[in-house]
Amino acid sequence: MDVLNRMLEGVVDRGFISGFLVSSSWHGSLTVSHLLFTNDTLIFCDLDLDQIFSLIALLLCIEVVFGLKVNLSKSEAVPVGSINNLSEMATILDCKVSSLPMKYLGLPLRAHYKSKVMWEGIVEKIEGVTNRLKKMFHDFLWDGIEDAKKFHLIKWDKVCTPLSCNGLGVRKLKTFNKTLLGKWLWHYHQEGDALWRNILDVKYGSVWGGWCSKEVRGAYGVRVCKLIWNGWDDFLGNYRLKVERGTQIKFWHNIWCGDIALKNDFPSLYRIASYQGSSVADNMYNTIDSIHWSMRFTKAVQD
């Protein structure tokens, strides 16, 4: 897959295939030309004859390099917007023609957010998995292998309490799901060059320090992103930052020295700070063998 990715990037870099513009704003711009999955590949290009022939040449090169036959009859051309000569292009590519909305890898593409036909199956699968997991937990604790129902001798909250707090340590699905969503906040900062993060950055922008995207806004199609972003405050209160250069850590607002933010530990000093949004680096300077602190305040500070 890495070789295929490099070949596609080379074709795009040389201008043979254009891809599509995800977003262009003061946050930046980003163009996506292809997406690689385990058993599938999406290639984006304009419906231009030169680009179509470039795509065919690329597929022929793939056959030579990998020794595999590219079966175009199993491929599909999906137009976005109004296309006049689509059938002619499909004939050249020798592939089928589909249209939006459609399902791809089990998920609807460009489906109206109120379309029951497109979303009903997805919702049923998710609800079905959730209900089956809950039933498995309950059956394991209360029913066993017998058909007769048994009394619940312990409250479910106690069952889901961690072992360290004298509970049974069974995961509460709602809390566990919130944790998994919160893990994306961690990945956001760790995977600075990831495509999914770059898409979020150009669409919504990034907060100071690059720790999280800015608030996700939209009427529909962004629910998962909103659920992840809404967990930022909880995430912010449960992690610690290790200072290196200090350029991405806010001196007063982030938790980096002790167990609480300095603005809460020293509120009187925070109120008279000259720049309350300063970074750690703004308030320190290094000499040959030591670090010195230099905070600025709006009035003289008394011991």
Protein backbone atom coordinates (compact mmCIF):
# COMPACT_ATOMS: atom_id res chain seq x y z
CA MET A 1 0.00 0.00 0.00
CA ASP A 2 2.91 2.33 0.67
CA VAL A 3 4.17 1.93 -2.91
CA LEU A 4 0.68 2.63 -4.27
CA ASN A 5 0.41 5.70 -2.06
CA ARG A 6 3.74 7.04 -3.32
CA MET A 7 2.72 6.45 -6.95
CA LEU A 8 -0.54 8.34 -6.43
CA GLU A 9 1.23 11.20 -4.65
CA GLY A 10 3.72 11.44 -7.51
CA VAL A 11 0.94 11.71 -10.11
CA VAL A 12 -0.76 14.43 -8.07
CA ASP A 13 2.46 16.38 -7.38
CA ARG A 14 3.16 16.54 -11.12
CA GLY A 15 -0.33 17.89 -11.84
CA PHE A 16 -1.70 14.91 -13.76
CA ILE A 17 -4.59 14.46 -11.28
CA SER A 18 -6.01 17.35 -9.27
CA GLY A 19 -7.99 15.79 -6.41
CA PHE A 20 -10.61 17.91 -4.67
CA LEU A 21 -10.37 20.93 -2.40
CA VAL A 22 -11.63 20.05 1.09
CA SER A 23 -11.61 23.62 2.33
CA SER A 24 -9.95 26.93 1.65
CA SER A 25 -10.13 29.61 4.33
CA TRP A 26 -7.89 31.67 6.56
CA HIS A 27 -7.23 28.43 8.49
CA GLY A 28 -5.47 27.10 5.37
CA SER A 29 -6.33 24.88 2.42
CA LEU A 30 -6.20 21.13 1.85
CA THR A 31 -6.61 18.98 -1.25
CA VAL A 32 -7.37 15.24 -1.05
CA SER A 33 -6.54 13.12 -4.08
CA HIS A 34 -6.96 9.56 -2.77
CA LEU A 35 -7.92 7.45 0.24
CA LEU A 36 -6.54 3.95 0.76
CA PHE A 37 -8.46 1.26 2.63
CA THR A 38 -7.62 -2.39 3.22
CA ASN A 39 -9.51 -3.70 0.19
CA ASP A 40 -10.58 -0.50 -1.49
CA THR A 41 -9.13 2.67 -2.99
CA LEU A 42 -10.85 6.00 -3.66
CA ILE A 43 -9.29 8.29 -6.28
CA PHE A 44 -10.59 11.85 -6.76
CA CYS A 45 -10.08 13.71 -10.03
CA ASP A 46 -11.79 16.18 -12.34
CA LEU A 47 -13.88 14.87 -15.21
CA ASP A 48 -11.22 15.98 -17.64
CA LEU A 49 -10.02 13.83 -20.54
CA ASP A 50 -6.33 14.41 -19.74
CA GLN A 51 -6.85 13.42 -16.11
CA ILE A 52 -8.81 10.32 -17.11
CA PHE A 53 -5.99 9.16 -19.41
CA SER A 54 -3.49 9.91 -16.63
CA LEU A 55 -5.54 7.74 -14.31
CA ILE A 56 -5.58 4.89 -16.86
CA ALA A 57 -1.80 5.19 -17.27
CA LEU A 58 -1.41 5.02 -13.49
CA LEU A 59 -3.53 1.86 -13.30
CA LEU A 60 -1.41 0.26 -16.05
CA CYS A 61 1.73 1.09 -14.06
CA ILE A 62 0.16 -0.52 -10.99
CA GLU A 63 -0.44 -3.71 -12.99
CA VAL A 64 3.22 -3.77 -14.09
CA VAL A 65 4.66 -3.01 -10.64
CA PHE A 66 2.46 -5.36 -8.61
CA GLY A 67 1.83 -8.01 -11.25
CA LEU A 68 -1.88 -7.77 -10.58
CA LYS A 69 -4.80 -7.26 -12.94
CA VAL A 70 -6.85 -4.15 -12.22
CA ASN A 71 -10.44 -5.20 -12.83
CA LEU A 72 -12.10 -1.96 -13.92
CA SER A 73 -15.43 -3.72 -14.41
CA LYS A 74 -15.69 -3.94 -10.61
CA SER A 75 -14.86 -0.26 -10.23
CA GLU A 76 -17.39 2.56 -10.12
CA ALA A 77 -17.35 6.18 -11.27
CA VAL A 78 -19.37 8.39 -8.93
CA PRO A 79 -20.09 11.95 -10.16
CA VAL A 80 -20.31 14.84 -7.71
CA GLY A 81 -22.48 17.64 -9.04
CA SER A 82 -23.79 18.04 -12.56
CA ILE A 83 -21.75 16.10 -15.17
CA ASN A 84 -22.47 16.19 -18.89
CA ASN A 85 -20.16 13.63 -20.50
CA LEU A 86 -20.07 11.06 -17.71
CA SER A 87 -21.11 8.12 -19.90
CA GLU A 88 -18.28 8.88 -22.35
CA MET A 89 -15.73 8.92 -19.54
CA ALA A 90 -17.16 5.71 -18.07
CA THR A 91 -16.76 4.04 -21.47
CA ILE A 92 -13.12 5.08 -21.61
CA LEU A 93 -12.53 3.74 -18.09
CA ASP A 94 -14.66 0.65 -18.79
CA CYS A 95 -16.37 0.90 -15.39
CA LYS A 96 -19.86 1.16 -13.93
CA VAL A 97 -21.54 4.46 -13.06
CA SER A 98 -23.15 5.09 -9.65
CA SER A 99 -24.74 8.15 -8.12
CA LEU A 100 -25.06 9.88 -4.78
CA PRO A 101 -26.49 9.24 -2.24
CA MET A 102 -25.02 5.75 -1.92
CA LYS A 103 -23.52 3.39 0.63
CA TYR A 104 -19.78 2.87 0.79
CA LEU A 105 -18.16 0.41 3.20
CA GLY A 106 -21.53 0.11 4.91
CA LEU A 107 -21.94 3.85 5.55
CA PRO A 108 -24.15 6.31 3.64
CA LEU A 109 -22.48 8.99 1.55
CA ARG A 110 -24.15 12.36 0.99
CA ALA A 111 -27.37 11.08 2.51
CA HIS A 112 -29.83 13.60 3.92
CA TYR A 113 -29.54 13.63 7.69
CA LYS A 114 -33.30 12.94 8.01
CA SER A 115 -33.35 10.10 5.49
CA LYS A 116 -34.72 7.08 7.36
CA VAL A 117 -34.02 4.74 4.45
CA MET A 118 -30.28 5.52 4.51
CA TRP A 119 -29.72 5.79 8.28
CA GLU A 120 -32.20 3.30 9.73
CA GLY A 121 -29.94 0.29 9.19
CA ILE A 122 -26.93 2.02 10.76
CA VAL A 123 -28.91 3.08 13.84
CA GLU A 124 -30.38 -0.42 14.23
CA LYS A 125 -26.92 -2.00 14.14
CA ILE A 126 -25.51 0.37 16.77
CA GLU A 127 -28.54 0.03 19.04
CA GLY A 128 -28.45 -3.75 18.53
CA VAL A 129 -24.81 -4.00 19.58
CA THR A 130 -25.42 -1.81 22.64
CA ASN A 131 -28.44 -3.81 23.75
CA ARG A 132 -26.66 -7.13 23.22
CA LEU A 133 -23.69 -6.00 25.30
CA LYS A 134 -25.96 -4.85 28.13
CA LYS A 135 -27.85 -8.14 28.02
CA MET A 136 -24.61 -10.11 28.14
CA PHE A 137 -23.49 -8.21 31.24
CA HIS A 138 -26.84 -8.71 32.97
CA ASP A 139 -27.09 -12.38 32.01
CA PHE A 140 -23.58 -13.11 33.23
CA LEU A 141 -24.27 -11.61 36.64
CA TRP A 142 -27.88 -12.49 37.29
CA ASP A 143 -29.26 -15.20 34.97
CA GLY A 144 -26.34 -17.59 34.41
CA ILE A 145 -27.21 -20.59 32.21
CA GLU A 146 -30.68 -21.01 33.67
CA ASP A 147 -33.82 -19.64 32.06
CA ALA A 148 -35.41 -18.46 35.31
CA LYS A 149 -35.02 -14.79 36.17
CA LYS A 150 -33.11 -13.92 39.34
CA PHE A 151 -33.28 -10.92 41.65
CA HIS A 152 -30.66 -8.19 41.23
CA LEU A 153 -28.96 -8.17 44.61
CA ILE A 154 -26.61 -5.24 43.89
CA LYS A 155 -27.34 -1.87 42.31
CA TRP A 156 -25.99 -1.52 38.81
CA ASP A 157 -23.99 1.58 39.82
CA LYS A 158 -22.18 -0.58 42.38
CA VAL A 159 -21.55 -3.25 39.75
CA CYS A 160 -19.91 -0.63 37.51
CA THR A 161 -17.77 0.81 40.33
CA PRO A 162 -14.02 0.08 39.88
CA LEU A 163 -12.48 -2.78 41.86
CA SER A 164 -10.26 -0.30 43.70
CA CYS A 165 -13.44 1.30 45.11
CA ASN A 166 -14.97 -2.03 46.20
CA GLY A 167 -17.10 -2.48 43.10
CA LEU A 168 -17.20 -5.30 40.57
CA GLY A 169 -15.39 -3.34 37.87
CA VAL A 170 -17.90 -3.94 35.07
CA ARG A 171 -17.63 -1.17 32.50
CA LYS A 172 -20.53 1.24 32.20
CA LEU A 173 -21.04 1.48 28.44
CA LYS A 174 -21.95 5.18 28.41
CA THR A 175 -18.84 6.12 30.37
CA PHE A 176 -16.66 3.75 28.33
CA ASN A 177 -17.95 5.26 25.08
CA LYS A 178 -17.17 8.75 26.40
CA THR A 179 -13.64 7.57 27.19
CA LEU A 180 -13.14 6.19 23.68
CA LEU A 181 -14.35 9.46 22.17
CA GLY A 182 -11.98 11.34 24.47
CA LYS A 183 -9.08 9.26 23.21
CA TRP A 184 -9.38 11.06 19.88
CA LEU A 185 -8.46 14.29 21.70
CA TRP A 186 -5.22 12.62 22.71
CA HIS A 187 -4.61 11.39 19.15
CA TYR A 188 -5.32 14.89 17.83
CA HIS A 189 -2.21 16.28 19.49
CA GLN A 190 -0.06 13.15 19.02
CA GLU A 191 -0.79 12.73 15.30
CA GLY A 192 0.06 16.19 14.06
CA ASP A 193 0.47 15.14 10.41
CA ALA A 194 -2.53 12.80 10.19
CA LEU A 195 -4.95 13.50 7.33
CA TRP A 196 -8.04 13.49 9.57
CA ARG A 197 -6.47 16.13 11.83
CA ASN A 198 -5.46 18.30 8.86
CA ILE A 199 -9.05 18.18 7.59
CA LEU A 200 -10.37 19.34 10.99
CA ASP A 201 -7.78 22.12 11.13
CA VAL A 202 -8.59 23.62 7.73
CA LYS A 203 -12.35 23.39 8.33
CA TYR A 204 -12.56 24.62 11.93
CA GLY A 205 -9.12 25.86 12.93
CA SER A 206 -7.02 24.85 15.93
CA VAL A 207 -6.97 26.31 19.45
CA TRP A 208 -3.84 28.01 20.79
CA GLY A 209 -1.06 25.48 21.27
CA GLY A 210 -2.56 22.97 18.84
CA TRP A 211 -4.12 20.82 21.57
CA CYS A 212 -7.60 20.63 20.09
CA SER A 213 -9.66 21.86 17.14
CA LYS A 214 -11.87 24.88 17.61
CA GLU A 215 -15.56 24.33 18.35
CA VAL A 216 -17.20 22.26 15.62
CA ARG A 217 -20.23 23.99 14.15
CA GLY A 218 -22.77 22.77 11.63
CA ALA A 219 -26.40 21.78 11.28
CA TYR A 220 -25.72 18.14 10.43
CA GLY A 221 -22.95 15.75 9.45
CA VAL A 222 -20.70 16.73 12.38
CA ARG A 223 -22.33 14.94 15.31
CA VAL A 224 -19.37 12.65 16.04
CA CYS A 225 -16.95 15.59 15.93
CA LYS A 226 -19.21 17.54 18.29
CA LEU A 227 -19.37 14.63 20.75
CA ILE A 228 -15.58 14.42 20.76
CA TRP A 229 -15.13 18.19 21.11
CA ASN A 230 -17.68 18.39 23.95
CA GLY A 231 -15.42 16.15 26.05
CA TRP A 232 -12.56 18.66 25.89
CA ASP A 233 -13.30 20.29 29.27
CA ASP A 234 -13.31 16.90 31.03
CA PHE A 235 -10.13 15.91 29.22
CA LEU A 236 -8.49 19.23 30.11
CA GLY A 237 -9.07 18.68 33.82
CA ASN A 238 -7.60 15.17 33.88
CA TYR A 239 -4.21 15.44 32.23
CA ARG A 240 -0.84 16.94 33.10
CA LEU A 241 1.58 18.71 30.79
CA LYS A 242 5.33 18.20 30.75
CA VAL A 243 7.19 21.43 30.04
CA GLU A 244 9.96 21.36 27.45
CA ARG A 245 10.21 24.62 25.52
CA GLY A 246 6.94 25.87 27.02
CA THR A 247 5.68 27.48 23.82
CA GLN A 248 2.48 25.39 23.70
CA ILE A 249 1.52 25.58 27.39
CA LYS A 250 -0.35 28.51 28.91
CA PHE A 251 1.31 29.69 32.09
CA TRP A 252 -1.87 30.50 34.01
CA HIS A 253 -4.50 28.29 32.40
CA ASN A 254 -2.96 24.84 31.86
CA ILE A 255 -2.10 22.33 34.59
CA TRP A 256 1.68 22.01 34.40
CA CYS A 257 2.94 22.89 37.89
CA GLY A 258 1.15 21.04 40.70
CA ASP A 259 -2.33 19.58 40.52
CA ILE A 260 -4.36 22.65 39.53
CA ALA A 261 -3.95 25.58 37.16
CA LEU A 262 -1.94 28.50 38.55
CA LYS A 263 -4.84 30.90 37.97
CA ASN A 264 -6.86 28.88 40.51
CA ASP A 265 -3.94 28.41 42.90
CA PHE A 266 -2.98 32.10 42.89
CA PRO A 267 -6.12 34.04 41.88
CA SER A 268 -4.90 37.39 43.26
CA LEU A 269 -1.74 37.23 41.12
CA TYR A 270 -3.71 36.10 38.09
CA ARG A 271 -6.00 39.14 38.34
CA ILE A 272 -3.06 41.56 38.08
CA ALA A 273 -1.06 39.61 35.47
CA SER A 274 -0.16 41.83 32.51
CA TYR A 275 -0.93 39.11 29.98
CA GLN A 276 -3.15 36.36 31.35
CA GLY A 277 -2.91 34.32 28.15
CA SER A 278 0.90 34.12 28.13
CA SER A 279 2.78 30.87 27.60
CA VAL A 280 5.29 29.32 29.98
CA ALA A 281 8.06 30.36 27.57
CA ASP A 282 6.90 33.99 27.76
CA ASN A 283 7.60 34.03 31.51
CA MET A 284 10.98 32.35 31.64
CA TYR A 285 14.46 32.70 30.19
CA ASN A 286 17.43 30.36 30.22
CA THR A 287 21.02 31.01 31.15
CA ILE A 288 23.92 28.61 30.79
CA ASP A 289 23.04 26.45 33.79
CA SER A 290 19.68 27.60 35.13
CA ILE A 291 16.16 28.79 34.40
CA HIS A 292 14.91 32.19 35.57
CA TRP A 293 11.31 33.37 35.88
CA SER A 294 10.13 36.85 34.93
CA MET A 295 6.39 37.50 35.35
CA ARG A 296 4.92 40.92 34.59
CA PHE A 297 2.06 42.45 36.58
CA THR A 298 -0.03 45.58 36.21
CA LYS A 299 1.03 46.80 39.65
CA ALA A 300 3.79 46.14 42.17
CA VAL A 301 3.58 42.82 44.00
CA GLN A 302 4.22 42.66 47.74
CA ASP A 303 5.47 39.53 49.54
